[in-house]
Amino acid sequence: LIIIRQLLLLLLLAGTSSPSSCLVSAFSPSPQSLPNNLPSNPDDVVRQAANSITNAYECGVHLQTIRLPLSQAIYGNKEEGFVADRAIGWQGGPMETYRYLSPMVNNLLPRIRTANSTAGLNVKVSEQILLDFDGASLQTSEHPAGAFYDIQALLQPNTDGYYIKTIQAIEEQFCNTRKADKPNRLFLLVNPAWRDRSSFGIFGAQKAQELILDRYETTYALDQFIVRGRQISLLKCWSSDWGLYAAINNSDEKKDEALPAELIASYATRPEYKDIDAVLKGVVKK
């Protein structure tokens, strides 16, 4: 048994050399094309998100923001449920969104590659509830290759000063490995409550811009909402543009047939409502 464990450890350490081919190329990722369709189930979302996060990490991006969908309606044609959950807002508040989000992140973290191999050993994920009324928690994945390859994810932080201090503390105590030959550890902000600096108010905007908005890159996002009565999705993967997806059926013969959402436009930055509305005017038959 001891010999087997030693062999596993040797195999594991052999696979923990820098996982990044992007690091060698001076942090210059090649642009990626967007998929034609959206993920068809939660497991596909997790797989897609894990690939995007891993690719960004291998290119030196260790501070990342991701946004995961909080409604099953994206995977089917449940328009009424979709409107209730997303356009009006999740009726139960952050504690209910946490119950949906937490298992998804727990499934996501072990799939993110921070080392080339686990030698068949499991990645352990633990969770610490921070403020339960905010639906906020901190999940940590412990890699069998060692602490240098661990990941932490802060779920649903909001603009309160408590979370700014928490983020700063995690960066200092966890992210910074202080090793020239080791990359900084990966830290994720998952579904933060803010969108831009205006979310932090007049007095907190500049600090938030410097500490978070300018430093945490969005490497994966899948947002859904309603525009002109249609279910619209925005998808961002590393290192692609933002993709706009909608189910467009301009056929009179098939007007009642449910169609999957397809890519209808792309943008270098996250589009505003007016940009999306202009595209829909051009592709939807009147």
C-alpha atoms as a PDB file:
ATOM      1  CA  LEU A   1       0.000   0.000   0.000  1.00  0.00           C
ATOM      2  CA  ILE A   2       2.840   2.390   0.859  1.00  0.00           C
ATOM      3  CA  ILE A   3       4.547   1.658  -2.473  1.00  0.00           C
ATOM      4  CA  ILE A   4       1.299   2.316  -4.369  1.00  0.00           C
ATOM      5  CA  ARG A   5       0.848   5.647  -2.590  1.00  0.00           C
ATOM      6  CA  GLN A   6       4.428   6.639  -3.407  1.00  0.00           C
ATOM      7  CA  LEU A   7       3.925   5.788  -7.066  1.00  0.00           C
ATOM      8  CA  LEU A   8       0.718   7.834  -7.182  1.00  0.00           C
ATOM      9  CA  LEU A   9       2.507  10.783  -5.587  1.00  0.00           C
ATOM     10  CA  LEU A  10       5.369  10.595  -8.100  1.00  0.00           C
ATOM     11  CA  LEU A  11       2.900  10.455 -10.973  1.00  0.00           C
ATOM     12  CA  LEU A  12       0.994  13.389  -9.556  1.00  0.00           C
ATOM     13  CA  LEU A  13       4.053  15.553  -9.068  1.00  0.00           C
ATOM     14  CA  ALA A  14       5.212  14.751 -12.594  1.00  0.00           C
ATOM     15  CA  GLY A  15       1.992  16.249 -13.877  1.00  0.00           C
ATOM     16  CA  THR A  16       2.072  19.470 -11.917  1.00  0.00           C
ATOM     17  CA  SER A  17       4.448  21.376 -14.094  1.00  0.00           C
ATOM     18  CA  SER A  18       3.021  24.593 -15.442  1.00  0.00           C
ATOM     19  CA  PRO A  19      -0.274  23.652 -17.114  1.00  0.00           C
ATOM     20  CA  SER A  20      -0.115  26.633 -19.371  1.00  0.00           C
ATOM     21  CA  SER A  21       0.817  26.746 -22.999  1.00  0.00           C
ATOM     22  CA  CYS A  22      -0.480  30.306 -22.993  1.00  0.00           C
ATOM     23  CA  LEU A  23       2.062  31.388 -20.368  1.00  0.00           C
ATOM     24  CA  VAL A  24       4.824  30.607 -22.821  1.00  0.00           C
ATOM     25  CA  SER A  25       3.248  32.858 -25.419  1.00  0.00           C
ATOM     26  CA  ALA A  26       3.394  36.008 -23.272  1.00  0.00           C
ATOM     27  CA  PHE A  27      -0.238  35.950 -22.134  1.00  0.00           C
ATOM     28  CA  SER A  28      -1.623  36.417 -25.643  1.00  0.00           C
ATOM     29  CA  PRO A  29      -4.584  34.054 -26.038  1.00  0.00           C
ATOM     30  CA  SER A  30      -5.878  33.253 -29.487  1.00  0.00           C
ATOM     31  CA  PRO A  31      -9.443  34.508 -30.053  1.00  0.00           C
ATOM     32  CA  GLN A  32     -11.982  31.714 -29.676  1.00  0.00           C
ATOM     33  CA  SER A  33     -15.140  31.338 -31.718  1.00  0.00           C
ATOM     34  CA  LEU A  34     -18.519  31.247 -29.991  1.00  0.00           C
ATOM     35  CA  PRO A  35     -20.663  28.086 -30.145  1.00  0.00           C
ATOM     36  CA  ASN A  36     -23.718  28.195 -32.411  1.00  0.00           C
ATOM     37  CA  ASN A  37     -26.053  27.078 -29.621  1.00  0.00           C
ATOM     38  CA  LEU A  38     -26.333  27.421 -25.860  1.00  0.00           C
ATOM     39  CA  PRO A  39     -25.599  24.599 -23.393  1.00  0.00           C
ATOM     40  CA  SER A  40     -28.504  22.140 -23.234  1.00  0.00           C
ATOM     41  CA  ASN A  41     -28.346  21.262 -19.502  1.00  0.00           C
ATOM     42  CA  PRO A  42     -26.644  22.323 -16.248  1.00  0.00           C
ATOM     43  CA  ASP A  43     -23.815  19.811 -16.696  1.00  0.00           C
ATOM     44  CA  ASP A  44     -23.000  21.342 -20.087  1.00  0.00           C
ATOM     45  CA  VAL A  45     -22.864  24.779 -18.451  1.00  0.00           C
ATOM     46  CA  VAL A  46     -20.440  23.497 -15.808  1.00  0.00           C
ATOM     47  CA  ARG A  47     -18.251  21.831 -18.444  1.00  0.00           C
ATOM     48  CA  GLN A  48     -18.201  24.970 -20.610  1.00  0.00           C
ATOM     49  CA  ALA A  49     -17.471  27.226 -17.640  1.00  0.00           C
ATOM     50  CA  ALA A  50     -14.665  24.965 -16.395  1.00  0.00           C
ATOM     51  CA  ASN A  51     -12.962  25.052 -19.789  1.00  0.00           C
ATOM     52  CA  SER A  52     -13.179  28.845 -19.987  1.00  0.00           C
ATOM     53  CA  ILE A  53     -11.883  29.341 -16.456  1.00  0.00           C
ATOM     54  CA  THR A  54      -9.030  26.887 -17.026  1.00  0.00           C
ATOM     55  CA  ASN A  55      -7.998  28.525 -20.297  1.00  0.00           C
ATOM     56  CA  ALA A  56      -7.948  31.954 -18.665  1.00  0.00           C
ATOM     57  CA  TYR A  57      -5.978  30.665 -15.672  1.00  0.00           C
ATOM     58  CA  GLU A  58      -3.401  29.113 -17.982  1.00  0.00           C
ATOM     59  CA  CYS A  59      -3.012  32.538 -19.558  1.00  0.00           C
ATOM     60  CA  GLY A  60      -2.189  34.077 -16.196  1.00  0.00           C
ATOM     61  CA  VAL A  61      -5.654  35.313 -15.185  1.00  0.00           C
ATOM     62  CA  HIS A  62      -5.966  34.212 -11.552  1.00  0.00           C
ATOM     63  CA  LEU A  63      -8.591  36.779 -10.494  1.00  0.00           C
ATOM     64  CA  GLN A  64     -11.812  35.997 -12.347  1.00  0.00           C
ATOM     65  CA  THR A  65     -15.504  36.847 -12.324  1.00  0.00           C
ATOM     66  CA  ILE A  66     -18.031  34.293 -13.565  1.00  0.00           C
ATOM     67  CA  ARG A  67     -21.812  34.355 -13.825  1.00  0.00           C
ATOM     68  CA  LEU A  68     -23.809  31.145 -13.918  1.00  0.00           C
ATOM     69  CA  PRO A  69     -27.518  30.870 -14.878  1.00  0.00           C
ATOM     70  CA  LEU A  70     -29.989  30.608 -12.027  1.00  0.00           C
ATOM     71  CA  SER A  71     -32.975  29.204 -13.876  1.00  0.00           C
ATOM     72  CA  GLN A  72     -33.773  25.837 -15.420  1.00  0.00           C
ATOM     73  CA  ALA A  73     -35.821  27.702 -18.028  1.00  0.00           C
ATOM     74  CA  ILE A  74     -32.726  28.235 -20.166  1.00  0.00           C
ATOM     75  CA  TYR A  75     -32.672  24.513 -20.988  1.00  0.00           C
ATOM     76  CA  GLY A  76     -36.226  24.291 -22.288  1.00  0.00           C
ATOM     77  CA  ASN A  77     -39.107  26.312 -23.619  1.00  0.00           C
ATOM     78  CA  LYS A  78     -40.648  27.347 -20.317  1.00  0.00           C
ATOM     79  CA  GLU A  79     -41.357  30.936 -21.200  1.00  0.00           C
ATOM     80  CA  GLU A  80     -43.733  31.695 -18.323  1.00  0.00           C
ATOM     81  CA  GLY A  81     -41.377  30.305 -15.695  1.00  0.00           C
ATOM     82  CA  PHE A  82     -38.503  32.106 -17.330  1.00  0.00           C
ATOM     83  CA  VAL A  83     -40.281  35.454 -17.129  1.00  0.00           C
ATOM     84  CA  ALA A  84     -41.098  34.943 -13.456  1.00  0.00           C
ATOM     85  CA  ASP A  85     -37.577  33.892 -12.541  1.00  0.00           C
ATOM     86  CA  ARG A  86     -35.460  36.222 -14.637  1.00  0.00           C
ATOM     87  CA  ALA A  87     -37.301  39.242 -16.028  1.00  0.00           C
ATOM     88  CA  ILE A  88     -39.078  40.129 -12.806  1.00  0.00           C
ATOM     89  CA  GLY A  89     -36.384  38.748 -10.534  1.00  0.00           C
ATOM     90  CA  TRP A  90     -35.913  35.654  -8.430  1.00  0.00           C
ATOM     91  CA  GLN A  91     -38.776  36.022  -5.977  1.00  0.00           C
ATOM     92  CA  GLY A  92     -37.131  34.362  -2.966  1.00  0.00           C
ATOM     93  CA  GLY A  93     -34.015  36.526  -2.828  1.00  0.00           C
ATOM     94  CA  PRO A  94     -30.333  35.625  -2.371  1.00  0.00           C
ATOM     95  CA  MET A  95     -30.891  32.686  -0.016  1.00  0.00           C
ATOM     96  CA  GLU A  96     -32.932  30.902  -2.691  1.00  0.00           C
ATOM     97  CA  THR A  97     -30.450  31.664  -5.448  1.00  0.00           C
ATOM     98  CA  TYR A  98     -27.730  30.335  -3.162  1.00  0.00           C
ATOM     99  CA  ARG A  99     -29.507  26.968  -2.888  1.00  0.00           C
ATOM    100  CA  TYR A 100     -29.457  26.703  -6.675  1.00  0.00           C
ATOM    101  CA  LEU A 101     -25.965  28.118  -7.181  1.00  0.00           C
ATOM    102  CA  SER A 102     -24.008  26.324  -4.455  1.00  0.00           C
ATOM    103  CA  PRO A 103     -24.329  22.753  -5.859  1.00  0.00           C
ATOM    104  CA  MET A 104     -23.393  24.013  -9.324  1.00  0.00           C
ATOM    105  CA  VAL A 105     -20.184  25.632  -8.044  1.00  0.00           C
ATOM    106  CA  ASN A 106     -19.440  22.528  -5.977  1.00  0.00           C
ATOM    107  CA  ASN A 107     -19.618  20.553  -9.224  1.00  0.00           C
ATOM    108  CA  LEU A 108     -17.603  23.150 -11.132  1.00  0.00           C
ATOM    109  CA  LEU A 109     -14.496  23.535  -8.965  1.00  0.00           C
ATOM    110  CA  PRO A 110     -13.125  19.963  -9.347  1.00  0.00           C
ATOM    111  CA  ARG A 111     -13.377  20.294 -13.141  1.00  0.00           C
ATOM    112  CA  ILE A 112     -11.112  23.341 -13.318  1.00  0.00           C
ATOM    113  CA  ARG A 113      -7.574  22.291 -14.188  1.00  0.00           C
ATOM    114  CA  THR A 114      -4.886  24.038 -12.149  1.00  0.00           C
ATOM    115  CA  ALA A 115      -2.472  21.090 -12.502  1.00  0.00           C
ATOM    116  CA  ASN A 116      -2.010  18.607 -15.324  1.00  0.00           C
ATOM    117  CA  SER A 117      -2.994  15.563 -13.291  1.00  0.00           C
ATOM    118  CA  THR A 118      -4.704  14.370 -10.125  1.00  0.00           C
ATOM    119  CA  ALA A 119      -3.263  10.836 -10.504  1.00  0.00           C
ATOM    120  CA  GLY A 120      -6.744   9.456 -10.008  1.00  0.00           C
ATOM    121  CA  LEU A 121      -7.162  11.174  -6.628  1.00  0.00           C
ATOM    122  CA  ASN A 122     -10.243  13.253  -5.845  1.00  0.00           C
ATOM    123  CA  VAL A 123     -10.336  17.030  -5.481  1.00  0.00           C
ATOM    124  CA  LYS A 124     -11.978  17.844  -2.141  1.00  0.00           C
ATOM    125  CA  VAL A 125     -14.461  20.744  -2.011  1.00  0.00           C
ATOM    126  CA  SER A 126     -15.545  22.390   1.245  1.00  0.00           C
ATOM    127  CA  GLU A 127     -17.825  25.347   1.934  1.00  0.00           C
ATOM    128  CA  GLN A 128     -18.022  28.054   4.586  1.00  0.00           C
ATOM    129  CA  ILE A 129     -21.203  30.104   4.955  1.00  0.00           C
ATOM    130  CA  LEU A 130     -20.342  33.783   5.363  1.00  0.00           C
ATOM    131  CA  LEU A 131     -23.568  35.777   5.726  1.00  0.00           C
ATOM    132  CA  ASP A 132     -26.550  33.472   5.273  1.00  0.00           C
ATOM    133  CA  PHE A 133     -29.060  36.323   4.758  1.00  0.00           C
ATOM    134  CA  ASP A 134     -26.944  37.443   1.768  1.00  0.00           C
ATOM    135  CA  GLY A 135     -26.710  33.918   0.400  1.00  0.00           C
ATOM    136  CA  ALA A 136     -22.928  34.331   0.462  1.00  0.00           C
ATOM    137  CA  SER A 137     -20.386  31.577   0.990  1.00  0.00           C
ATOM    138  CA  LEU A 138     -16.767  30.666   0.308  1.00  0.00           C
ATOM    139  CA  GLN A 139     -16.032  27.363  -1.406  1.00  0.00           C
ATOM    140  CA  THR A 140     -12.522  25.896  -1.453  1.00  0.00           C
ATOM    141  CA  SER A 141     -11.244  23.056  -3.617  1.00  0.00           C
ATOM    142  CA  GLU A 142      -8.195  21.238  -2.251  1.00  0.00           C
ATOM    143  CA  HIS A 143      -6.086  19.697  -4.997  1.00  0.00           C
ATOM    144  CA  PRO A 144      -4.301  16.392  -4.300  1.00  0.00           C
ATOM    145  CA  ALA A 145      -1.124  17.842  -5.879  1.00  0.00           C
ATOM    146  CA  GLY A 146      -0.841  20.313  -3.019  1.00  0.00           C
ATOM    147  CA  ALA A 147      -2.041  23.678  -1.752  1.00  0.00           C
ATOM    148  CA  PHE A 148      -0.465  25.624  -4.632  1.00  0.00           C
ATOM    149  CA  TYR A 149      -3.212  24.251  -6.900  1.00  0.00           C
ATOM    150  CA  ASP A 150      -6.187  24.979  -4.635  1.00  0.00           C
ATOM    151  CA  ILE A 151      -9.046  27.239  -5.726  1.00  0.00           C
ATOM    152  CA  GLN A 152     -11.387  29.517  -3.792  1.00  0.00           C
ATOM    153  CA  ALA A 153     -14.750  30.844  -4.989  1.00  0.00           C
ATOM    154  CA  LEU A 154     -16.743  33.604  -3.290  1.00  0.00           C
ATOM    155  CA  LEU A 155     -20.442  33.153  -4.041  1.00  0.00           C
ATOM    156  CA  GLN A 156     -22.815  36.109  -4.388  1.00  0.00           C
ATOM    157  CA  PRO A 157     -20.779  38.941  -2.857  1.00  0.00           C
ATOM    158  CA  ASN A 158     -22.532  42.294  -2.873  1.00  0.00           C
ATOM    159  CA  THR A 159     -21.431  45.917  -2.608  1.00  0.00           C
ATOM    160  CA  ASP A 160     -21.286  45.988   1.194  1.00  0.00           C
ATOM    161  CA  GLY A 161     -17.880  46.939   2.608  1.00  0.00           C
ATOM    162  CA  TYR A 162     -17.689  43.556   4.324  1.00  0.00           C
ATOM    163  CA  TYR A 163     -17.183  41.853   0.954  1.00  0.00           C
ATOM    164  CA  ILE A 164     -14.579  44.361  -0.207  1.00  0.00           C
ATOM    165  CA  LYS A 165     -12.556  43.563   2.919  1.00  0.00           C
ATOM    166  CA  THR A 166     -13.170  39.826   2.453  1.00  0.00           C
ATOM    167  CA  ILE A 167     -11.920  39.940  -1.125  1.00  0.00           C
ATOM    168  CA  GLN A 168      -8.805  41.846  -0.077  1.00  0.00           C
ATOM    169  CA  ALA A 169      -8.111  39.330   2.703  1.00  0.00           C
ATOM    170  CA  ILE A 170      -8.493  36.331   0.385  1.00  0.00           C
ATOM    171  CA  GLU A 171      -6.156  37.886  -2.138  1.00  0.00           C
ATOM    172  CA  GLU A 172      -3.515  38.483   0.517  1.00  0.00           C
ATOM    173  CA  GLN A 173      -3.840  35.233   2.451  1.00  0.00           C
ATOM    174  CA  PHE A 174      -4.753  32.799  -0.335  1.00  0.00           C
ATOM    175  CA  CYS A 175      -4.059  34.053  -3.866  1.00  0.00           C
ATOM    176  CA  ASN A 176      -0.529  35.344  -3.421  1.00  0.00           C
ATOM    177  CA  THR A 177       1.742  32.272  -3.353  1.00  0.00           C
ATOM    178  CA  ARG A 178       4.870  34.431  -2.983  1.00  0.00           C
ATOM    179  CA  LYS A 179       6.738  31.906  -5.116  1.00  0.00           C
ATOM    180  CA  ALA A 180       8.517  33.036  -8.288  1.00  0.00           C
ATOM    181  CA  ASP A 181       8.157  29.586  -9.848  1.00  0.00           C
ATOM    182  CA  LYS A 182       4.484  29.129  -8.890  1.00  0.00           C
ATOM    183  CA  PRO A 183       1.467  30.967 -10.307  1.00  0.00           C
ATOM    184  CA  ASN A 184      -0.862  32.761  -7.926  1.00  0.00           C
ATOM    185  CA  ARG A 185      -3.817  30.673  -6.827  1.00  0.00           C
ATOM    186  CA  LEU A 186      -7.119  30.978  -8.655  1.00  0.00           C
ATOM    187  CA  PHE A 187      -9.835  33.051  -6.981  1.00  0.00           C
ATOM    188  CA  LEU A 188     -13.346  33.347  -8.440  1.00  0.00           C
ATOM    189  CA  LEU A 189     -16.123  35.851  -7.781  1.00  0.00           C
ATOM    190  CA  VAL A 190     -19.303  33.939  -8.615  1.00  0.00           C
ATOM    191  CA  ASN A 191     -22.489  35.835  -9.500  1.00  0.00           C
ATOM    192  CA  PRO A 192     -21.568  39.084  -7.739  1.00  0.00           C
ATOM    193  CA  ALA A 193     -24.463  41.459  -7.116  1.00  0.00           C
ATOM    194  CA  TRP A 194     -22.869  44.364  -8.984  1.00  0.00           C
ATOM    195  CA  ARG A 195     -22.766  45.126 -12.713  1.00  0.00           C
ATOM    196  CA  ASP A 196     -20.549  48.204 -12.926  1.00  0.00           C
ATOM    197  CA  ARG A 197     -19.155  51.001 -10.782  1.00  0.00           C
ATOM    198  CA  SER A 198     -22.569  52.656 -10.443  1.00  0.00           C
ATOM    199  CA  SER A 199     -23.658  49.689  -8.305  1.00  0.00           C
ATOM    200  CA  PHE A 200     -21.294  50.859  -5.548  1.00  0.00           C
ATOM    201  CA  GLY A 201     -22.687  54.377  -5.231  1.00  0.00           C
ATOM    202  CA  ILE A 202     -20.898  57.699  -5.409  1.00  0.00           C
ATOM    203  CA  PHE A 203     -18.524  57.121  -2.505  1.00  0.00           C
ATOM    204  CA  GLY A 204     -17.585  53.509  -3.209  1.00  0.00           C
ATOM    205  CA  ALA A 205     -17.346  53.567  -7.000  1.00  0.00           C
ATOM    206  CA  GLN A 206     -13.702  54.572  -7.388  1.00  0.00           C
ATOM    207  CA  LYS A 207     -12.438  52.091  -4.810  1.00  0.00           C
ATOM    208  CA  ALA A 208     -14.474  49.283  -6.369  1.00  0.00           C
ATOM    209  CA  GLN A 209     -13.148  50.195  -9.807  1.00  0.00           C
ATOM    210  CA  GLU A 210      -9.543  49.966  -8.642  1.00  0.00           C
ATOM    211  CA  LEU A 211      -9.836  46.893  -6.417  1.00  0.00           C
ATOM    212  CA  ILE A 212     -12.342  44.770  -8.340  1.00  0.00           C
ATOM    213  CA  LEU A 213     -13.722  45.975 -11.663  1.00  0.00           C
ATOM    214  CA  ASP A 214     -10.327  46.690 -13.238  1.00  0.00           C
ATOM    215  CA  ARG A 215      -8.737  43.519 -11.894  1.00  0.00           C
ATOM    216  CA  TYR A 216     -11.319  40.709 -12.040  1.00  0.00           C
ATOM    217  CA  GLU A 217     -11.908  39.732 -15.641  1.00  0.00           C
ATOM    218  CA  THR A 218     -15.173  38.118 -16.683  1.00  0.00           C
ATOM    219  CA  THR A 219     -14.047  34.782 -18.100  1.00  0.00           C
ATOM    220  CA  TYR A 220     -17.441  33.084 -18.244  1.00  0.00           C
ATOM    221  CA  ALA A 221     -20.980  34.443 -18.127  1.00  0.00           C
ATOM    222  CA  LEU A 222     -24.387  33.166 -19.160  1.00  0.00           C
ATOM    223  CA  ASP A 223     -27.125  35.740 -18.569  1.00  0.00           C
ATOM    224  CA  GLN A 224     -30.803  35.523 -19.539  1.00  0.00           C
ATOM    225  CA  PHE A 225     -33.516  38.169 -19.750  1.00  0.00           C
ATOM    226  CA  ILE A 226     -36.520  39.277 -21.795  1.00  0.00           C
ATOM    227  CA  VAL A 227     -36.369  41.756 -24.700  1.00  0.00           C
ATOM    228  CA  ARG A 228     -39.429  42.433 -26.877  1.00  0.00           C
ATOM    229  CA  GLY A 229     -41.179  39.515 -25.231  1.00  0.00           C
ATOM    230  CA  ARG A 230     -38.439  37.093 -26.239  1.00  0.00           C
ATOM    231  CA  GLN A 231     -36.076  35.023 -24.138  1.00  0.00           C
ATOM    232  CA  ILE A 232     -32.594  36.394 -24.815  1.00  0.00           C
ATOM    233  CA  SER A 233     -29.258  35.026 -23.612  1.00  0.00           C
ATOM    234  CA  LEU A 234     -25.769  36.496 -23.492  1.00  0.00           C
ATOM    235  CA  LEU A 235     -22.833  34.095 -23.432  1.00  0.00           C
ATOM    236  CA  LYS A 236     -19.223  35.006 -22.720  1.00  0.00           C
ATOM    237  CA  CYS A 237     -16.437  32.436 -22.865  1.00  0.00           C
ATOM    238  CA  TRP A 238     -12.714  32.983 -22.603  1.00  0.00           C
ATOM    239  CA  SER A 239     -11.324  34.379 -24.888  1.00  0.00           C
ATOM    240  CA  SER A 240     -14.274  35.034 -27.164  1.00  0.00           C
ATOM    241  CA  ASP A 241     -16.590  37.994 -27.673  1.00  0.00           C
ATOM    242  CA  TRP A 242     -20.009  38.280 -26.057  1.00  0.00           C
ATOM    243  CA  GLY A 243     -22.578  36.280 -28.000  1.00  0.00           C
ATOM    244  CA  LEU A 244     -26.262  37.162 -28.303  1.00  0.00           C
ATOM    245  CA  TYR A 245     -28.586  34.161 -28.550  1.00  0.00           C
ATOM    246  CA  ALA A 246     -32.283  33.966 -29.311  1.00  0.00           C
ATOM    247  CA  ALA A 247     -34.804  31.552 -30.797  1.00  0.00           C
ATOM    248  CA  ILE A 248     -35.900  33.250 -34.003  1.00  0.00           C
ATOM    249  CA  ASN A 249     -38.777  31.656 -35.931  1.00  0.00           C
ATOM    250  CA  ASN A 250     -39.898  33.721 -38.903  1.00  0.00           C
ATOM    251  CA  SER A 251     -41.727  30.878 -40.629  1.00  0.00           C
ATOM    252  CA  ASP A 252     -45.511  31.129 -40.673  1.00  0.00           C
ATOM    253  CA  GLU A 253     -45.756  27.377 -41.150  1.00  0.00           C
ATOM    254  CA  LYS A 254     -43.685  26.653 -38.026  1.00  0.00           C
ATOM    255  CA  LYS A 255     -44.685  29.581 -35.850  1.00  0.00           C
ATOM    256  CA  ASP A 256     -45.769  27.303 -32.996  1.00  0.00           C
ATOM    257  CA  GLU A 257     -42.669  25.107 -33.168  1.00  0.00           C
ATOM    258  CA  ALA A 258     -40.142  25.516 -30.366  1.00  0.00           C
ATOM    259  CA  LEU A 259     -36.648  26.213 -31.670  1.00  0.00           C
ATOM    260  CA  PRO A 260     -33.319  26.257 -29.837  1.00  0.00           C
ATOM    261  CA  ALA A 261     -31.640  29.590 -29.243  1.00  0.00           C
ATOM    262  CA  GLU A 262     -29.004  30.383 -31.859  1.00  0.00           C
ATOM    263  CA  LEU A 263     -26.160  32.864 -32.100  1.00  0.00           C
ATOM    264  CA  ILE A 264     -27.459  35.973 -33.870  1.00  0.00           C
ATOM    265  CA  ALA A 265     -24.818  38.615 -33.013  1.00  0.00           C
ATOM    266  CA  SER A 266     -21.520  39.117 -31.191  1.00  0.00           C
ATOM    267  CA  TYR A 267     -19.927  42.074 -29.413  1.00  0.00           C
ATOM    268  CA  ALA A 268     -16.439  42.899 -28.173  1.00  0.00           C
ATOM    269  CA  THR A 269     -17.903  44.134 -24.855  1.00  0.00           C
ATOM    270  CA  ARG A 270     -21.131  43.306 -23.052  1.00  0.00           C
ATOM    271  CA  PRO A 271     -23.911  44.913 -25.132  1.00  0.00           C
ATOM    272  CA  GLU A 272     -26.411  47.374 -23.741  1.00  0.00           C
ATOM    273  CA  TYR A 273     -30.162  46.979 -24.094  1.00  0.00           C
ATOM    274  CA  LYS A 274     -30.314  49.360 -27.044  1.00  0.00           C
ATOM    275  CA  ASP A 275     -27.764  47.269 -28.958  1.00  0.00           C
ATOM    276  CA  ILE A 276     -29.737  44.075 -28.408  1.00  0.00           C
ATOM    277  CA  ASP A 277     -33.009  45.758 -29.302  1.00  0.00           C
ATOM    278  CA  ALA A 278     -31.546  47.023 -32.585  1.00  0.00           C
ATOM    279  CA  VAL A 279     -30.431  43.510 -33.570  1.00  0.00           C
ATOM    280  CA  LEU A 280     -33.815  42.003 -32.752  1.00  0.00           C
ATOM    281  CA  LYS A 281     -35.562  44.603 -34.898  1.00  0.00           C
ATOM    282  CA  GLY A 282     -33.472  43.450 -37.838  1.00  0.00           C
ATOM    283  CA  VAL A 283     -33.915  39.684 -37.465  1.00  0.00           C
ATOM    284  CA  VAL A 284     -37.483  39.274 -36.224  1.00  0.00           C
ATOM    285  CA  LYS A 285     -40.202  39.172 -38.843  1.00  0.00           C
ATOM    286  CA  LYS A 286     -42.922  41.749 -38.202  1.00  0.00           C
END
